[in-house]
Amino acid sequence: MKRIMIFFCIGIAAAAMAGGVARDYEPGTYANVREKARNTLKYAYSPNRMFEKIAAGEMSVGGYIGSLDPQLCEMAGFAGLDFVWIDMEHRPMTVKDVLAMQMALEGSGCASLVRVRSEDFNHVKPILDIGIDGVIFPQVSSYAAAVKSVEACRYPQAGGKRGVCIDRQSGYGKLSLRDYLKRCETWPIIIIELEDLSGIADLDRILALKDVDAIMVGPSDLACSMGALGLQAGDEVQRLVDDVAARTRKAGKLFFSIGSLDKARARGSAFYCGGGCDAASWRKMYARATAGSRVDFGEPRISVFASFIRNIARQRGISKSAAADMLYDIGVRGFDAGPAEPDLDELAATRLKPINFYYFPDWFNRKKGAEALSPEAACLARAAELGVPRIMVVPPGFTDGKDNSDEFERILAHMKEFVAEAKKRGVTITVEDFGGTANCCSYAKYLKRFLDEIPDLRFALDSGNLYYAGRGEDILEMMDFAKGRIGHVHLKDQSATDNREYVTLGLGAVPNEKIVKAVAATDYNGWYTLENPVGDTYNDTVRQVALLKAWLSEARRGKSAE
């Protein structure tokens, strides 16, 4: 447990360092809230980095705490975070739990922000009496709810409903009653979280409230209110968040960002909660520690073709590294590429790792000179250099474009040699049901020969290729034959009226949902690669990833119920 906490501490320290001391919003725009922060500091009885950052016009960096152990808050404070976000809304925390966390933070200079369960002042009052530095009010769907939130935090002489209790939050008398009341004119900081369209519709009226200090947007619930569950990273939701951030800044208030640090900076945020949930950080740490094992802690292994990264970079006018970051943020962790692609080193240096090569060997010596593709030795060496664990081989097509059993025997012999050589180097070879009609891999009979005669060969199941080949052969039958031998999965969809027309996953004639659920119900623990985006690459990938995760989740629930 000590090692876990040390790693957690290092992680949140890194998040704190990410904020730096750069001015991330224009101080002059926030004269009112900066003055309020200075007032809070003037009457403070302990150091507080968050209010210092607000007063100086610098971005505060914090971390989310959902666990009940106050020692995590203590670590966060001494690791250098400006604030911790303590979540009562979604966690089984009591007021006593929050008290322990507040006590753990004091003396470290780290502020406490507590997300309460509602704006009811009877719920909020004992939390304020602990002496917390800020309140996050979730699910604020109207101006009236925002008014109630403010009333819960202010004393009656300031138009609120808060009851007077001056023991702990005054430092047990360290502040005089006069100084304590002066401090409470601007303390705690009040953060309104908008999570649906109705709340955003009232944004201008909410921003006009003098005691509302900051606005946060909950993108997941916002996406749900827009009828786009699971698409919180999509353009439509993110454009709306950008608009809320701009209007908040224009009104002289602070904007609170979660998720991407780059987006937080671009939105001129005064608060950034980095590092994700503490529990998620542990899970990721455990996953890294068990890399290569069959334990994946529930996170599906989702990959894309390398072209996805290039397309997003081109369409958005950003770097390939930034495009890879966008894919990583929605759950993509790897990419498939060819061993001779010219930008492979550049792509491998991003947050996504190369997890599969698609390789087209020239076993019939048809290409010469510069046109020849990488020979087997070069392909295997490249895989070893980049740590690519598998190579999907697509053999050359028949020379006359028609079924040729003699040529297949030559191909089979080459495949046996390549698989044996790859095994020596610890690389898995797969063969795909390639859709090219002149290729032996578009025939189920030859795919079965490959698997029957080469025990170390695995099947790279492509959901749409046999459909594309147009021979009427059923991928579900081939999948059943290859059960236990599936080494990789490619997913794409095609139109019911034209097998050569690609459509977005789940909207065509290919039984992808049935395929995914059938594969997930087995012992398969490998990668699922998305192959064909339709339209805007990023937005369609967001949709496909969300759909794939939903299918996998349903399959796992069904498997656990058996």
Protein backbone atom coordinates (compact mmCIF):
# COMPACT_ATOMS: atom_id res chain seq x y z
CA MET A 1 0.00 0.00 0.00
CA LYS A 2 2.90 2.34 0.74
CA ARG A 3 4.27 1.83 -2.77
CA ILE A 4 0.85 2.59 -4.26
CA MET A 5 0.62 5.84 -2.37
CA ILE A 6 4.17 6.82 -3.33
CA PHE A 7 3.34 6.35 -7.01
CA PHE A 8 0.11 8.30 -6.54
CA CYS A 9 2.03 11.08 -4.83
CA ILE A 10 4.55 11.23 -7.69
CA GLY A 11 1.70 11.37 -10.21
CA ILE A 12 -0.06 14.28 -8.58
CA ALA A 13 3.23 16.08 -8.12
CA ALA A 14 3.78 15.80 -11.86
CA ALA A 15 0.29 17.19 -12.44
CA ALA A 16 1.12 20.14 -10.22
CA MET A 17 4.33 20.80 -12.15
CA ALA A 18 2.34 20.78 -15.40
CA GLY A 19 0.62 23.97 -14.36
CA GLY A 20 3.86 25.93 -14.01
CA VAL A 21 3.64 29.59 -13.12
CA ALA A 22 2.67 30.91 -16.54
CA ARG A 23 -0.22 33.35 -16.60
CA ASP A 24 -2.93 31.36 -18.28
CA TYR A 25 -5.68 33.95 -18.15
CA GLU A 26 -5.56 37.71 -18.43
CA PRO A 27 -5.40 39.09 -14.88
CA GLY A 28 -7.06 42.39 -15.80
CA THR A 29 -10.22 40.59 -16.87
CA TYR A 30 -10.65 39.15 -13.40
CA ALA A 31 -10.15 42.22 -11.25
CA ASN A 32 -13.18 41.44 -9.09
CA VAL A 33 -12.33 37.83 -8.27
CA ARG A 34 -8.66 38.68 -7.83
CA GLU A 35 -9.66 41.29 -5.26
CA LYS A 36 -11.88 38.73 -3.55
CA ALA A 37 -8.93 36.32 -3.40
CA ARG A 38 -6.73 39.00 -1.86
CA ASN A 39 -9.39 39.67 0.75
CA THR A 40 -9.57 35.96 1.60
CA LEU A 41 -5.79 35.80 1.98
CA LYS A 42 -5.74 38.96 4.10
CA TYR A 43 -7.89 37.28 6.74
CA ALA A 44 -6.48 33.75 6.34
CA TYR A 45 -4.82 31.95 9.23
CA SER A 46 -2.83 29.43 7.11
CA PRO A 47 -1.13 29.45 3.66
CA ASN A 48 -3.27 28.77 0.61
CA ARG A 49 -1.73 28.34 -2.85
CA MET A 50 -5.03 28.35 -4.71
CA PHE A 51 -6.08 31.80 -3.52
CA GLU A 52 -2.53 33.03 -4.11
CA LYS A 53 -2.71 31.82 -7.72
CA ILE A 54 -6.12 33.47 -8.24
CA ALA A 55 -4.82 36.75 -6.84
CA ALA A 56 -1.77 36.58 -9.11
CA GLY A 57 -3.73 35.65 -12.25
CA GLU A 58 -2.14 32.22 -12.54
CA MET A 59 -3.79 28.88 -13.22
CA SER A 60 -4.33 26.62 -10.20
CA VAL A 61 -3.71 22.90 -10.70
CA GLY A 62 -5.47 20.26 -8.64
CA GLY A 63 -6.43 16.61 -8.43
CA TYR A 64 -9.62 14.65 -7.89
CA ILE A 65 -10.06 12.65 -4.68
CA GLY A 66 -12.83 10.07 -4.56
CA SER A 67 -11.34 7.69 -2.01
CA LEU A 68 -12.04 8.03 1.69
CA ASP A 69 -8.47 7.90 2.98
CA PRO A 70 -7.42 11.38 4.22
CA GLN A 71 -3.78 10.46 3.78
CA LEU A 72 -4.24 10.86 0.02
CA CYS A 73 -5.23 14.49 0.57
CA GLU A 74 -2.19 14.97 2.77
CA MET A 75 0.05 13.56 0.03
CA ALA A 76 -1.60 15.80 -2.57
CA GLY A 77 -0.95 18.87 -0.46
CA PHE A 78 2.70 18.14 0.19
CA ALA A 79 3.20 17.06 -3.44
CA GLY A 80 2.45 20.65 -4.41
CA LEU A 81 -1.10 20.65 -5.75
CA ASP A 82 -2.91 23.98 -5.38
CA PHE A 83 -6.21 22.29 -4.54
CA VAL A 84 -7.90 18.92 -4.23
CA TRP A 85 -11.41 18.25 -5.48
CA ILE A 86 -13.16 16.14 -2.82
CA ASP A 87 -16.24 14.50 -4.28
CA MET A 88 -19.28 13.92 -2.07
CA GLU A 89 -21.68 13.82 -5.03
CA HIS A 90 -20.61 10.46 -6.43
CA ARG A 91 -18.83 8.97 -3.43
CA PRO A 92 -20.14 7.61 -0.08
CA MET A 93 -18.50 10.40 1.93
CA THR A 94 -19.86 11.76 5.16
CA VAL A 95 -19.21 15.16 6.75
CA LYS A 96 -16.84 13.37 9.11
CA ASP A 97 -14.85 12.06 6.12
CA VAL A 98 -14.55 15.58 4.73
CA LEU A 99 -13.42 16.86 8.14
CA ALA A 100 -10.60 14.30 8.21
CA MET A 101 -9.52 15.32 4.71
CA GLN A 102 -9.60 19.02 5.58
CA MET A 103 -7.45 18.37 8.64
CA ALA A 104 -4.98 16.43 6.48
CA LEU A 105 -4.64 19.37 4.07
CA GLU A 106 -4.08 22.12 6.60
CA GLY A 107 -0.51 23.28 6.87
CA SER A 108 0.36 22.05 3.36
CA GLY A 109 -0.92 25.16 1.56
CA CYS A 110 -3.32 23.07 -0.55
CA ALA A 111 -6.93 24.27 -0.78
CA SER A 112 -10.03 22.09 -0.45
CA LEU A 113 -12.87 22.15 -2.98
CA VAL A 114 -15.83 19.95 -2.06
CA ARG A 115 -18.44 18.93 -4.61
CA VAL A 116 -21.60 18.70 -2.54
CA ARG A 117 -24.72 16.69 -3.35
CA SER A 118 -27.17 19.58 -3.70
CA GLU A 119 -27.64 23.29 -3.04
CA ASP A 120 -29.82 22.59 0.04
CA PHE A 121 -28.33 24.86 2.73
CA ASN A 122 -28.99 22.27 5.44
CA HIS A 123 -26.69 19.86 3.56
CA VAL A 124 -24.08 22.52 2.80
CA LYS A 125 -23.96 24.19 6.22
CA PRO A 126 -21.98 21.54 8.21
CA ILE A 127 -19.53 21.18 5.32
CA LEU A 128 -18.84 24.92 5.37
CA ASP A 129 -18.42 24.83 9.15
CA ILE A 130 -15.46 22.48 8.65
CA GLY A 131 -13.58 25.37 7.03
CA ILE A 132 -13.34 24.23 3.41
CA ASP A 133 -12.09 26.70 0.79
CA GLY A 134 -14.62 26.19 -1.98
CA VAL A 135 -17.87 24.51 -2.92
CA ILE A 136 -18.68 22.92 -6.29
CA PHE A 137 -22.44 22.78 -6.87
CA PRO A 138 -23.29 20.06 -9.44
CA GLN A 139 -26.28 19.75 -11.76
CA VAL A 140 -27.16 23.47 -11.62
CA SER A 141 -29.91 23.56 -14.23
CA SER A 142 -31.32 27.05 -13.72
CA TYR A 143 -30.72 30.54 -12.43
CA ALA A 144 -32.91 29.73 -9.41
CA ALA A 145 -30.67 26.78 -8.49
CA ALA A 146 -27.62 29.02 -8.76
CA VAL A 147 -29.25 31.55 -6.41
CA LYS A 148 -29.89 28.79 -3.86
CA SER A 149 -26.26 27.73 -4.15
CA VAL A 150 -25.06 31.24 -3.34
CA GLU A 151 -27.56 31.58 -0.48
CA ALA A 152 -26.23 28.35 1.07
CA CYS A 153 -22.72 29.84 1.29
CA ARG A 154 -23.36 33.36 2.53
CA TYR A 155 -24.54 34.74 5.88
CA PRO A 156 -27.90 36.52 6.13
CA GLN A 157 -26.38 40.04 6.09
CA ALA A 158 -25.04 39.15 2.62
CA GLY A 159 -28.42 37.80 1.49
CA GLY A 160 -27.76 34.16 2.34
CA LYS A 161 -29.16 31.50 4.65
CA ARG A 162 -25.99 30.21 6.26
CA GLY A 163 -26.16 29.73 10.00
CA VAL A 164 -23.43 31.26 12.16
CA CYS A 165 -20.83 28.91 13.64
CA ILE A 166 -17.37 30.35 14.14
CA ASP A 167 -15.31 27.67 15.88
CA ARG A 168 -13.29 25.58 13.45
CA GLN A 169 -13.42 27.80 10.38
CA SER A 170 -12.05 30.72 12.41
CA GLY A 171 -9.11 28.64 13.61
CA TYR A 172 -10.91 28.11 16.92
CA GLY A 173 -10.74 31.81 17.62
CA LYS A 174 -7.46 32.55 15.83
CA LEU A 175 -9.50 34.99 13.76
CA SER A 176 -11.60 37.51 15.64
CA LEU A 177 -15.32 37.57 14.88
CA ARG A 178 -14.82 40.78 12.90
CA ASP A 179 -11.99 39.34 10.80
CA TYR A 180 -13.81 36.05 10.35
CA LEU A 181 -16.90 37.80 8.99
CA LYS A 182 -14.72 39.95 6.70
CA ARG A 183 -13.18 36.78 5.33
CA CYS A 184 -16.59 35.17 4.79
CA GLU A 185 -17.55 38.00 2.45
CA THR A 186 -15.42 36.25 -0.17
CA TRP A 187 -14.88 32.78 1.28
CA PRO A 188 -15.54 30.02 0.37
CA ILE A 189 -15.19 30.30 -3.40
CA ILE A 190 -18.42 29.29 -5.18
CA ILE A 191 -18.18 27.13 -8.33
CA ILE A 192 -21.28 26.38 -10.39
CA GLU A 193 -21.19 23.18 -12.46
CA LEU A 194 -23.41 23.24 -15.55
CA GLU A 195 -24.29 19.77 -16.83
CA ASP A 196 -27.25 20.21 -19.16
CA LEU A 197 -28.60 22.53 -21.84
CA SER A 198 -31.11 24.19 -19.52
CA GLY A 199 -28.35 25.33 -17.18
CA ILE A 200 -26.31 26.70 -20.08
CA ALA A 201 -29.39 28.54 -21.33
CA ASP A 202 -29.36 30.48 -18.03
CA LEU A 203 -25.60 31.09 -18.13
CA ASP A 204 -25.71 34.87 -18.57
CA ARG A 205 -28.07 35.33 -15.60
CA ILE A 206 -25.94 32.99 -13.48
CA LEU A 207 -22.78 34.92 -14.39
CA ALA A 208 -24.48 38.13 -13.25
CA LEU A 209 -24.64 36.81 -9.67
CA LYS A 210 -21.98 38.70 -7.71
CA ASP A 211 -20.98 35.77 -5.51
CA VAL A 212 -20.63 33.19 -8.27
CA ASP A 213 -16.87 32.98 -8.73
CA ALA A 214 -16.35 30.22 -11.27
CA ILE A 215 -18.10 28.01 -13.83
CA MET A 216 -17.39 24.37 -14.59
CA VAL A 217 -18.96 22.19 -17.29
CA GLY A 218 -19.61 18.46 -16.75
CA PRO A 219 -19.10 17.21 -20.34
CA SER A 220 -20.41 13.67 -19.85
CA ASP A 221 -23.80 14.73 -18.46
CA LEU A 222 -23.93 17.60 -20.95
CA ALA A 223 -23.47 15.12 -23.80
CA CYS A 224 -26.27 13.02 -22.33
CA SER A 225 -28.60 16.04 -22.22
CA MET A 226 -27.78 16.63 -25.89
CA GLY A 227 -28.75 13.07 -26.82
CA ALA A 228 -25.12 12.15 -27.36
CA LEU A 229 -24.32 9.79 -24.48
CA GLY A 230 -20.65 8.78 -24.55
CA LEU A 231 -19.67 11.52 -27.02
CA GLN A 232 -18.37 14.07 -24.49
CA ALA A 233 -15.10 14.37 -26.43
CA GLY A 234 -16.91 15.07 -29.71
CA ASP A 235 -16.81 18.42 -31.48
CA GLU A 236 -20.41 19.40 -30.75
CA VAL A 237 -19.97 19.07 -26.99
CA GLN A 238 -16.49 20.58 -26.96
CA ARG A 239 -17.61 23.61 -29.00
CA LEU A 240 -20.30 24.26 -26.41
CA VAL A 241 -17.75 24.00 -23.59
CA ASP A 242 -15.52 26.46 -25.49
CA ASP A 243 -18.44 28.87 -25.75
CA VAL A 244 -19.23 28.63 -22.03
CA ALA A 245 -15.57 29.25 -21.21
CA ALA A 246 -15.43 32.34 -23.44
CA ARG A 247 -18.65 33.80 -22.01
CA THR A 248 -17.47 33.10 -18.47
CA ARG A 249 -14.20 34.94 -19.02
CA LYS A 250 -15.98 37.84 -20.72
CA ALA A 251 -18.20 38.21 -17.65
CA GLY A 252 -15.12 38.49 -15.42
CA LYS A 253 -15.51 35.07 -13.83
CA LEU A 254 -13.15 32.08 -13.59
CA PHE A 255 -13.44 28.94 -15.72
CA PHE A 256 -12.71 25.49 -14.25
CA SER A 257 -11.34 22.88 -16.70
CA ILE A 258 -11.08 19.12 -16.44
CA GLY A 259 -9.41 16.70 -18.84
CA SER A 260 -6.90 18.05 -21.34
CA LEU A 261 -4.27 20.52 -20.10
CA ASP A 262 -3.90 21.94 -23.62
CA LYS A 263 -7.64 22.67 -23.76
CA ALA A 264 -7.52 24.17 -20.28
CA ARG A 265 -4.86 26.62 -21.43
CA ALA A 266 -6.66 27.36 -24.70
CA ARG A 267 -9.83 28.17 -22.76
CA GLY A 268 -8.01 30.56 -20.46
CA SER A 269 -8.89 28.46 -17.44
CA ALA A 270 -8.12 29.60 -13.91
CA PHE A 271 -8.49 26.04 -12.57
CA TYR A 272 -7.30 22.77 -14.06
CA CYS A 273 -8.00 19.40 -12.47
CA GLY A 274 -5.38 17.03 -13.88
CA GLY A 275 -4.38 13.44 -13.34
CA GLY A 276 -7.91 12.03 -13.45
CA CYS A 277 -9.63 10.20 -10.62
CA ASP A 278 -7.39 8.75 -7.92
CA ALA A 279 -8.95 5.29 -8.36
CA ALA A 280 -8.43 5.44 -12.14
CA SER A 281 -4.79 6.40 -11.57
CA TRP A 282 -4.29 3.27 -9.44
CA ARG A 283 -5.92 1.09 -12.07
CA LYS A 284 -3.67 2.50 -14.81
CA MET A 285 -0.62 2.02 -12.60
CA TYR A 286 -1.56 -1.61 -11.98
CA ALA A 287 -2.16 -2.10 -15.73
CA ARG A 288 1.31 -0.74 -16.52
CA ALA A 289 2.81 -3.04 -13.88
CA THR A 290 1.17 -6.06 -15.48
CA ALA A 291 1.78 -5.10 -19.12
CA GLY A 292 1.92 -8.19 -21.27
CA SER A 293 -0.22 -10.27 -18.93
CA ARG A 294 -3.79 -11.26 -19.61
CA VAL A 295 -5.10 -8.85 -16.99
CA ASP A 296 -6.45 -5.64 -18.49
CA PHE A 297 -8.60 -4.33 -15.60
CA GLY A 298 -11.58 -3.83 -17.88
CA GLU A 299 -10.08 -1.32 -20.30
CA PRO A 300 -10.54 -2.63 -23.86
CA ARG A 301 -7.51 -2.61 -26.15
CA ILE A 302 -8.64 -0.31 -28.93
CA SER A 303 -6.43 0.54 -31.88
CA VAL A 304 -6.80 2.47 -35.14
CA PHE A 305 -4.99 2.49 -38.44
CA ALA A 306 -2.07 4.94 -38.63
CA SER A 307 -4.05 6.86 -41.26
CA PHE A 308 -6.47 7.97 -38.52
CA ILE A 309 -3.69 9.96 -36.85
CA ARG A 310 -2.61 11.54 -40.13
CA ASN A 311 -6.19 12.38 -41.14
CA ILE A 312 -6.98 14.08 -37.83
CA ALA A 313 -3.74 16.07 -37.99
CA ARG A 314 -4.55 17.18 -41.54
CA GLN A 315 -8.24 17.92 -40.93
CA ARG A 316 -7.59 19.87 -37.71
CA GLY A 317 -4.37 21.55 -38.77
CA ILE A 318 -2.47 20.12 -35.79
CA SER A 319 0.59 17.95 -35.24
CA LYS A 320 0.42 14.17 -35.39
CA SER A 321 1.38 14.08 -31.72
CA ALA A 322 -1.59 16.30 -30.84
CA ALA A 323 -3.86 14.14 -33.01
CA ALA A 324 -2.62 11.04 -31.17
CA ASP A 325 -3.36 12.78 -27.85
CA MET A 326 -6.95 13.37 -28.97
CA LEU A 327 -7.33 9.68 -29.78
CA TYR A 328 -5.71 8.66 -26.50
CA ASP A 329 -8.14 10.83 -24.55
CA ILE A 330 -11.13 8.89 -25.96
CA GLY A 331 -9.67 5.46 -25.16
CA VAL A 332 -7.52 4.57 -28.18
CA ARG A 333 -4.19 3.09 -27.10
CA GLY A 334 -2.49 1.76 -30.21
CA PHE A 335 -2.19 1.90 -33.98
CA ASP A 336 -1.64 -0.51 -36.88
CA ALA A 337 0.89 0.46 -39.56
CA GLY A 338 3.05 -0.92 -42.35
CA PRO A 339 6.71 -1.60 -41.47
CA ALA A 340 7.99 0.68 -44.25
CA GLU A 341 5.73 3.71 -43.68
CA PRO A 342 7.94 6.83 -43.78
CA ASP A 343 6.53 8.51 -40.65
CA LEU A 344 6.50 5.37 -38.50
CA ASP A 345 9.16 6.66 -36.07
CA GLU A 346 7.23 9.91 -35.67
CA LEU A 347 4.00 8.05 -34.93
CA ALA A 348 5.73 5.65 -32.53
CA ALA A 349 6.96 8.64 -30.50
CA THR A 350 3.37 9.68 -29.67
CA ARG A 351 1.26 8.43 -26.76
CA LEU A 352 -0.11 5.64 -28.99
CA LYS A 353 2.04 2.55 -29.44
CA PRO A 354 2.40 0.47 -32.62
CA ILE A 355 0.68 -2.82 -31.82
CA ASN A 356 0.47 -4.49 -35.24
CA PHE A 357 2.17 -4.41 -38.65
CA TYR A 358 0.19 -5.16 -41.80
CA TYR A 359 2.73 -6.71 -44.15
CA PHE A 360 2.42 -7.54 -47.86
CA PRO A 361 5.39 -9.80 -48.77
CA ASP A 362 6.56 -10.01 -52.37
CA TRP A 363 6.90 -13.79 -52.44
CA PHE A 364 6.45 -13.95 -56.23
CA ASN A 365 9.16 -11.31 -56.87
CA ARG A 366 6.87 -9.07 -58.86
CA LYS A 367 8.27 -5.78 -57.62
CA LYS A 368 11.83 -4.69 -58.18
CA GLY A 369 14.10 -1.96 -56.88
CA ALA A 370 12.50 0.92 -55.02
CA GLU A 371 9.01 -0.54 -55.54
CA ALA A 372 9.79 -3.72 -53.64
CA LEU A 373 8.28 -3.92 -50.17
CA SER A 374 10.37 -4.77 -47.10
CA PRO A 375 11.73 -8.33 -47.13
CA GLU A 376 10.90 -10.59 -44.20
CA ALA A 377 14.15 -9.97 -42.30
CA ALA A 378 13.73 -6.19 -42.48
CA CYS A 379 10.10 -6.45 -41.36
CA LEU A 380 11.02 -8.58 -38.35
CA ALA A 381 13.90 -6.27 -37.46
CA ARG A 382 11.60 -3.25 -37.58
CA ALA A 383 9.09 -5.03 -35.35
CA ALA A 384 11.81 -5.80 -32.81
CA GLU A 385 13.09 -2.20 -32.93
CA LEU A 386 9.67 -0.73 -32.11
CA GLY A 387 8.42 -3.53 -29.86
CA VAL A 388 5.61 -4.51 -32.23
CA PRO A 389 4.27 -7.88 -30.93
CA ARG A 390 2.47 -9.13 -34.05
CA ILE A 391 2.63 -8.98 -37.83
CA MET A 392 -0.45 -9.53 -39.97
CA VAL A 393 0.66 -11.12 -43.25
CA VAL A 394 -1.35 -10.63 -46.43
CA PRO A 395 0.20 -12.97 -49.03
CA PRO A 396 0.52 -11.90 -52.67
CA GLY A 397 -2.50 -12.38 -54.94
CA PHE A 398 -2.75 -15.08 -57.58
CA THR A 399 -0.97 -14.07 -60.78
CA ASP A 400 -3.99 -14.63 -63.03
CA GLY A 401 -6.46 -13.17 -60.53
CA LYS A 402 -8.24 -16.50 -60.17
CA ASP A 403 -8.10 -19.43 -57.76
CA ASN A 404 -4.74 -21.13 -58.29
CA SER A 405 -4.04 -24.11 -56.04
CA ASP A 406 -0.43 -24.52 -57.26
CA GLU A 407 0.42 -20.95 -56.34
CA PHE A 408 -1.26 -21.41 -52.97
CA GLU A 409 1.11 -24.29 -52.18
CA ARG A 410 4.07 -21.95 -52.83
CA ILE A 411 2.47 -19.28 -50.63
CA LEU A 412 1.82 -21.83 -47.88
CA ALA A 413 5.48 -22.89 -47.90
CA HIS A 414 6.65 -19.27 -47.59
CA MET A 415 4.19 -18.69 -44.76
CA LYS A 416 5.49 -21.70 -42.82
CA GLU A 417 9.06 -20.39 -43.09
CA PHE A 418 8.09 -16.86 -42.04
CA VAL A 419 6.07 -18.04 -39.03
CA ALA A 420 8.95 -20.23 -37.87
CA GLU A 421 11.45 -17.34 -38.19
CA ALA A 422 9.12 -14.92 -36.38
CA LYS A 423 8.61 -17.40 -33.54
CA LYS A 424 12.36 -17.39 -32.89
CA ARG A 425 12.12 -13.62 -32.36
CA GLY A 426 9.01 -13.73 -30.17
CA VAL A 427 6.74 -12.17 -32.81
CA THR A 428 3.25 -13.57 -33.48
CA ILE A 429 2.19 -13.91 -37.11
CA THR A 430 -1.46 -13.65 -38.10
CA VAL A 431 -3.17 -14.18 -41.45
CA GLU A 432 -6.17 -12.03 -42.39
CA ASP A 433 -9.30 -12.82 -44.37
CA PHE A 434 -8.12 -10.23 -46.89
CA GLY A 435 -10.88 -8.88 -49.10
CA GLY A 436 -8.96 -8.65 -52.39
CA THR A 437 -10.75 -11.01 -54.75
CA ALA A 438 -7.49 -12.16 -56.37
CA ASN A 439 -6.00 -13.14 -53.01
CA CYS A 440 -5.97 -16.60 -51.47
CA CYS A 441 -7.07 -15.03 -48.16
CA SER A 442 -10.44 -14.19 -49.66
CA TYR A 443 -11.19 -17.94 -49.73
CA ALA A 444 -12.25 -19.58 -46.46
CA LYS A 445 -10.86 -22.92 -47.70
CA TYR A 446 -7.33 -21.47 -47.89
CA LEU A 447 -7.63 -19.67 -44.59
CA LYS A 448 -8.52 -23.00 -43.00
CA ARG A 449 -5.50 -24.64 -44.66
CA PHE A 450 -3.22 -21.97 -43.20
CA LEU A 451 -4.53 -22.61 -39.70
CA ASP A 452 -4.65 -26.40 -40.07
CA GLU A 453 -1.07 -26.72 -41.32
CA ILE A 454 0.69 -23.98 -39.31
CA PRO A 455 -0.04 -24.48 -35.58
CA ASP A 456 1.77 -21.27 -34.53
CA LEU A 457 -0.17 -19.08 -36.98
CA ARG A 458 -3.06 -16.98 -35.64
CA PHE A 459 -6.14 -15.61 -37.38
CA ALA A 460 -6.54 -11.86 -37.89
CA LEU A 461 -10.30 -11.56 -38.10
CA ASP A 462 -11.48 -8.68 -40.30
CA SER A 463 -15.22 -8.28 -39.92
CA GLY A 464 -15.87 -6.93 -43.42
CA ASN A 465 -13.34 -8.54 -45.74
CA LEU A 466 -15.17 -11.74 -46.70
CA TYR A 467 -18.25 -9.60 -47.30
CA TYR A 468 -16.10 -7.30 -49.45
CA ALA A 469 -14.75 -10.25 -51.46
CA GLY A 470 -18.33 -11.03 -52.49
CA ARG A 471 -18.03 -14.80 -52.54
CA GLY A 472 -20.92 -15.23 -50.12
CA GLU A 473 -18.65 -16.78 -47.46
CA ASP A 474 -19.71 -16.11 -43.88
CA ILE A 475 -17.27 -14.48 -41.47
CA LEU A 476 -19.22 -15.95 -38.55
CA GLU A 477 -18.52 -19.47 -39.84
CA MET A 478 -14.83 -18.66 -40.33
CA MET A 479 -14.71 -17.12 -36.88
CA ASP A 480 -16.21 -20.25 -35.38
CA PHE A 481 -13.61 -22.38 -37.19
CA ALA A 482 -10.79 -20.17 -35.88
CA LYS A 483 -12.09 -20.17 -32.31
CA GLY A 484 -9.16 -20.09 -29.92
CA ARG A 485 -6.77 -19.02 -32.71
CA ILE A 486 -7.88 -15.38 -33.09
CA GLY A 487 -4.85 -13.14 -32.65
CA HIS A 488 -6.24 -9.77 -33.76
CA VAL A 489 -9.56 -8.18 -34.75
CA HIS A 490 -10.18 -5.51 -37.40
CA LEU A 491 -13.61 -3.86 -37.53
CA LYS A 492 -15.25 -2.13 -40.47
CA ASP A 493 -18.72 -1.88 -41.96
CA GLN A 494 -20.12 -1.78 -45.48
CA SER A 495 -23.39 -0.83 -47.10
CA ALA A 496 -26.11 -3.41 -47.61
CA THR A 497 -26.58 -2.20 -51.20
CA ASP A 498 -22.91 -1.96 -52.16
CA ASN A 499 -20.32 -4.19 -50.50
CA ARG A 500 -17.54 -1.80 -51.65
CA GLU A 501 -19.08 1.23 -49.93
CA TYR A 502 -17.79 1.77 -46.40
CA VAL A 503 -20.15 3.12 -43.73
CA THR A 504 -19.58 3.98 -40.11
CA LEU A 505 -19.42 1.05 -37.70
CA GLY A 506 -22.80 -0.42 -36.74
CA LEU A 507 -24.80 1.16 -39.57
CA GLY A 508 -24.06 -1.31 -42.37
CA ALA A 509 -24.64 -4.94 -43.31
CA VAL A 510 -21.65 -6.46 -41.51
CA PRO A 511 -22.73 -8.17 -38.24
CA ASN A 512 -20.11 -6.32 -36.18
CA GLU A 513 -22.04 -6.33 -32.90
CA LYS A 514 -22.50 -10.09 -33.09
CA ILE A 515 -18.82 -10.56 -34.00
CA VAL A 516 -17.52 -8.37 -31.16
CA LYS A 517 -19.74 -10.00 -28.56
CA ALA A 518 -18.89 -13.50 -29.76
CA VAL A 519 -15.13 -12.79 -29.65
CA ALA A 520 -15.37 -11.06 -26.26
CA ALA A 521 -17.25 -14.07 -24.85
CA THR A 522 -14.17 -16.23 -25.49
CA ASP A 523 -10.76 -16.00 -23.83
CA TYR A 524 -9.63 -13.42 -26.40
CA ASN A 525 -7.82 -10.55 -24.68
CA GLY A 526 -6.30 -8.84 -27.69
CA TRP A 527 -6.78 -5.68 -29.70
CA TYR A 528 -9.76 -4.38 -31.64
CA THR A 529 -8.64 -2.12 -34.49
CA LEU A 530 -11.02 0.37 -36.10
CA GLU A 531 -10.26 0.49 -39.81
CA ASN A 532 -12.51 2.90 -41.71
CA PRO A 533 -13.65 6.31 -40.46
CA VAL A 534 -16.45 8.01 -42.37
CA GLY A 535 -16.50 11.79 -42.80
CA ASP A 536 -14.71 13.71 -40.07
CA THR A 537 -12.17 11.21 -38.75
CA TYR A 538 -12.10 12.35 -35.13
CA ASN A 539 -15.86 12.67 -34.63
CA ASP A 540 -16.52 9.31 -36.28
CA THR A 541 -13.81 7.67 -34.17
CA VAL A 542 -15.41 9.09 -31.02
CA ARG A 543 -18.69 7.47 -32.07
CA GLN A 544 -17.09 4.14 -33.05
CA VAL A 545 -15.06 3.90 -29.83
CA ALA A 546 -18.16 4.58 -27.71
CA LEU A 547 -20.13 1.92 -29.63
CA LEU A 548 -17.33 -0.64 -29.37
CA LYS A 549 -16.98 -0.06 -25.63
CA ALA A 550 -20.73 -0.53 -25.20
CA TRP A 551 -20.68 -3.84 -27.08
CA LEU A 552 -17.69 -5.10 -25.08
CA SER A 553 -19.30 -4.05 -21.80
CA GLU A 554 -22.50 -5.93 -22.65
CA ALA A 555 -20.50 -9.01 -23.62
CA ARG A 556 -18.54 -8.98 -20.36
CA ARG A 557 -21.68 -8.58 -18.30
CA GLY A 558 -23.22 -11.53 -20.10
CA LYS A 559 -20.11 -13.62 -19.57
CA SER A 560 -19.93 -12.84 -15.85
CA ALA A 561 -23.60 -13.76 -15.44
CA GLU A 562 -23.04 -17.25 -16.83
